[in-house]
Amino acid sequence: MSGRNWLFIEARPTADSYEMMVREPEESSYFGKRILGKPMSRAEALVSPTMDDFFAVADFVAFNDPAVKSYLLGQGVSAAGRMGVDSNN
């Protein structure tokens, strides 16, 4: 998958919000999955001109996916309200 890069962003709840940090790709359970493209090291990611795009996507998921949002709010993980991936949603 030339031209496709990925990085490992860990998100975790804090007392009043959440924090995200870029981790090394080898720490991800998805490391070695060629379909994702080329893994970016933490050092590469932090200087990448696409870093803001990665965090924008991560923030979108954190604010809009019910399971992720409930986890980051320190609640029980719930997918209630998650829409399916078919063309009717």
Protein backbone atom coordinates (compact mmCIF):
# COMPACT_ATOMS: atom_id res chain seq x y z
CA MET A 1 0.00 0.00 0.00
CA SER A 2 2.43 2.65 -1.10
CA GLY A 3 1.41 6.15 -0.19
CA ARG A 4 -0.64 5.01 2.81
CA ASN A 5 0.75 5.65 6.28
CA TRP A 6 -0.61 4.93 9.71
CA LEU A 7 0.35 5.76 13.25
CA PHE A 8 -0.63 4.51 16.67
CA ILE A 9 -2.53 7.07 18.73
CA GLU A 10 -3.50 6.03 22.24
CA ALA A 11 -6.49 7.79 23.76
CA ARG A 12 -7.33 7.56 27.44
CA PRO A 13 -9.68 9.29 29.83
CA THR A 14 -8.50 11.90 32.30
CA ALA A 15 -10.35 13.44 35.26
CA ASP A 16 -12.20 15.98 33.13
CA SER A 17 -11.53 15.07 29.48
CA TYR A 18 -9.18 12.76 27.60
CA GLU A 19 -5.67 12.79 26.25
CA MET A 20 -4.11 11.36 23.13
CA MET A 21 -0.53 10.45 22.53
CA VAL A 22 1.41 9.06 19.62
CA ARG A 23 3.04 5.75 20.44
CA GLU A 24 5.50 3.52 18.59
CA PRO A 25 3.81 1.33 15.96
CA GLU A 26 5.34 -1.83 17.42
CA GLU A 27 3.18 -1.27 20.51
CA SER A 28 -0.02 -1.56 18.46
CA SER A 29 -1.83 -4.86 18.06
CA TYR A 30 -2.15 -3.88 14.38
CA PHE A 31 1.60 -3.75 13.80
CA GLY A 32 2.54 -5.99 10.88
CA LYS A 33 -0.85 -5.69 9.14
CA ARG A 34 0.32 -4.75 5.65
CA ILE A 35 -3.12 -3.55 4.55
CA LEU A 36 -2.72 -0.50 6.79
CA GLY A 37 0.29 0.73 4.85
CA LYS A 38 3.61 1.94 6.21
CA PRO A 39 3.74 2.45 9.98
CA MET A 40 5.13 5.80 11.08
CA SER A 41 7.40 5.90 14.10
CA ARG A 42 6.54 8.36 16.84
CA ALA A 43 9.43 10.60 15.75
CA GLU A 44 8.28 10.53 12.10
CA ALA A 45 4.67 11.24 13.05
CA LEU A 46 5.48 14.21 15.27
CA VAL A 47 7.26 16.05 12.44
CA SER A 48 4.87 14.96 9.70
CA PRO A 49 2.89 17.68 7.90
CA THR A 50 -0.14 15.35 8.19
CA MET A 51 -0.03 15.17 12.00
CA ASP A 52 -2.92 17.63 12.37
CA ASP A 53 -5.01 15.49 10.00
CA PHE A 54 -4.40 12.36 12.07
CA PHE A 55 -5.44 14.14 15.25
CA ALA A 56 -8.50 15.65 13.53
CA VAL A 57 -9.68 12.16 12.59
CA ALA A 58 -8.95 10.86 16.09
CA ASP A 59 -10.90 13.77 17.64
CA PHE A 60 -13.81 13.14 15.28
CA VAL A 61 -13.96 9.50 16.37
CA ALA A 62 -13.67 10.48 20.05
CA PHE A 63 -16.56 12.94 19.79
CA ASN A 64 -18.84 10.90 17.52
CA ASP A 65 -18.42 7.17 18.11
CA PRO A 66 -20.62 6.15 21.07
CA ALA A 67 -18.32 3.33 22.22
CA VAL A 68 -15.17 5.45 22.12
CA LYS A 69 -16.91 8.48 23.62
CA SER A 70 -18.37 6.47 26.53
CA TYR A 71 -14.93 4.99 27.28
CA LEU A 72 -13.23 8.40 27.19
CA LEU A 73 -15.90 9.82 29.52
CA GLY A 74 -14.99 7.11 32.04
CA GLN A 75 -18.32 5.32 31.61
CA GLY A 76 -19.00 1.73 30.71
CA VAL A 77 -18.26 1.18 27.04
CA SER A 78 -21.51 1.34 25.10
CA ALA A 79 -22.16 1.16 21.37
CA ALA A 80 -25.78 2.26 21.86
CA GLY A 81 -26.59 4.74 19.13
CA ARG A 82 -23.82 3.57 16.83
CA MET A 83 -25.05 3.51 13.27
CA GLY A 84 -24.35 0.57 11.00
CA VAL A 85 -22.08 0.67 8.02
CA ASP A 86 -24.71 0.01 5.38
CA SER A 87 -26.02 2.45 2.80
CA ASN A 88 -29.24 3.14 4.74
CA ASN A 89 -27.48 4.97 7.59
